Protein backbone atom coordinates (compact mmCIF):
# COMPACT_ATOMS: atom_id res chain seq x y z
CA UNK A 1 -107.95 -77.99 -37.67
CA UNK A 2 -106.12 -74.72 -38.34
CA UNK A 3 -105.07 -75.29 -41.90
CA UNK A 4 -108.50 -77.12 -42.61
CA UNK A 5 -110.37 -74.02 -41.42
CA UNK A 6 -108.61 -71.43 -43.39
CA UNK A 7 -109.24 -73.90 -46.28
CA UNK A 8 -112.77 -73.89 -46.00
CA UNK A 9 -112.65 -70.28 -45.44
CA UNK A 10 -110.37 -69.91 -48.88
CA UNK A 11 -113.54 -71.87 -50.64
CA UNK A 12 -116.33 -70.24 -48.82
CA UNK A 13 -115.64 -66.76 -49.31
CA UNK A 14 -117.06 -64.11 -47.95
CA UNK A 15 -118.26 -66.37 -45.48
CA UNK A 16 -116.38 -67.71 -42.26
CA UNK A 17 -116.38 -70.92 -41.14
CA UNK A 18 -115.39 -72.09 -37.31
CA UNK A 19 -115.05 -75.72 -36.60
CA UNK A 20 -115.69 -76.37 -32.65
CA UNK A 21 -114.04 -78.25 -30.65
CA UNK A 22 -114.63 -82.60 -31.31
CA UNK A 23 -117.30 -84.36 -29.74
CA UNK A 24 -116.86 -87.66 -27.75
CA UNK A 25 -117.66 -89.60 -30.90
CA UNK A 26 -115.04 -86.95 -32.85
CA UNK A 27 -117.30 -85.19 -34.52
CA UNK A 28 -117.26 -81.08 -35.36
CA UNK A 29 -119.59 -78.55 -35.16
CA UNK A 30 -119.08 -76.20 -38.22
CA UNK A 31 -120.94 -72.61 -38.25
CA UNK A 32 -120.59 -70.70 -41.45
CA UNK A 33 -121.48 -66.86 -40.94
CA UNK A 34 -121.97 -64.30 -43.43
CA UNK A 35 -120.07 -61.46 -43.61
CA UNK A 36 -122.14 -59.38 -40.81
CA UNK A 37 -121.77 -62.30 -38.70
CA UNK A 38 -125.17 -64.29 -38.45
CA UNK A 39 -124.84 -68.15 -38.89
CA UNK A 40 -125.97 -68.82 -42.40
CA UNK A 41 -125.57 -72.89 -41.51
CA UNK A 42 -124.54 -74.97 -38.88
CA UNK A 43 -123.80 -78.95 -39.23
CA UNK A 44 -121.70 -81.75 -37.97
CA UNK A 45 -119.23 -83.00 -40.14
CA UNK A 46 -116.58 -86.00 -39.33
CA UNK A 47 -112.90 -86.09 -38.73
CA UNK A 48 -113.26 -87.95 -41.68
CA UNK A 49 -114.76 -85.80 -44.19
CA UNK A 50 -111.80 -83.24 -42.82
CA UNK A 51 -108.95 -85.46 -43.24
CA UNK A 52 -109.73 -87.13 -46.45
CA UNK A 53 -109.30 -85.05 -49.70
CA UNK A 54 -112.28 -86.39 -51.65
CA UNK A 55 -114.55 -86.23 -48.68
CA UNK A 56 -113.19 -82.94 -47.91
CA UNK A 57 -114.33 -81.49 -51.40
CA UNK A 58 -117.64 -83.06 -51.72
CA UNK A 59 -118.48 -81.37 -48.17
CA UNK A 60 -117.45 -78.07 -49.50
CA UNK A 61 -119.59 -78.71 -52.56
CA UNK A 62 -122.52 -79.27 -50.40
CA UNK A 63 -121.84 -76.14 -48.37
CA UNK A 64 -121.60 -74.09 -51.74
CA UNK A 65 -125.23 -75.71 -52.50
CA UNK A 66 -126.77 -75.29 -49.00
CA UNK A 67 -125.12 -71.71 -49.12
CA UNK A 68 -127.14 -70.54 -52.62
CA UNK A 69 -130.19 -72.04 -50.64
CA UNK A 70 -130.07 -70.06 -48.15
CA UNK A 71 -129.75 -67.21 -50.12
CA UNK A 72 -132.57 -68.24 -52.28
CA UNK A 73 -130.57 -68.52 -55.21
CA UNK A 74 -131.46 -72.53 -55.75
CA UNK A 75 -134.43 -74.08 -54.84
CA UNK A 76 -134.21 -77.70 -53.25
CA UNK A 77 -136.49 -78.77 -56.15
CA UNK A 78 -133.79 -78.10 -59.19
CA UNK A 79 -131.39 -79.89 -57.21
CA UNK A 80 -133.47 -82.94 -56.89
CA UNK A 81 -134.20 -82.21 -60.75
CA UNK A 82 -130.37 -82.16 -61.36
CA UNK A 83 -129.69 -85.36 -59.68
CA UNK A 84 -132.12 -86.88 -61.59
CA UNK A 85 -130.71 -86.40 -64.87
CA UNK A 86 -127.45 -87.42 -63.58
CA UNK A 87 -126.10 -90.77 -63.99
CA UNK A 88 -125.13 -93.20 -61.52
CA UNK A 89 -121.46 -94.27 -61.05
CA UNK A 90 -120.42 -97.71 -61.88
CA UNK A 91 -123.65 -97.82 -64.74
CA UNK A 92 -123.90 -98.19 -67.98
CA UNK A 93 -126.50 -96.32 -70.31
CA UNK A 94 -127.84 -98.03 -72.92
């Protein structure tokens, strides 16, 4: 887990990520702190999200988005509009 935490810290600089010990279900609390030490985000993540590369990439992408929202740099309605424009995987446009 130390390696994963280092990767998260590198990906989310200047924020610091901390992973708590796993609970009975194998989930961990991920706490993201700003440079002043204030909690910016807190989220439960599964061990699978931390072990599978594609899920870890999705987790980091989601954290980047959530940090932008928390900082007021991105509005949730903008995300919804962007998601509406993205083609759904496995379908073909006519």
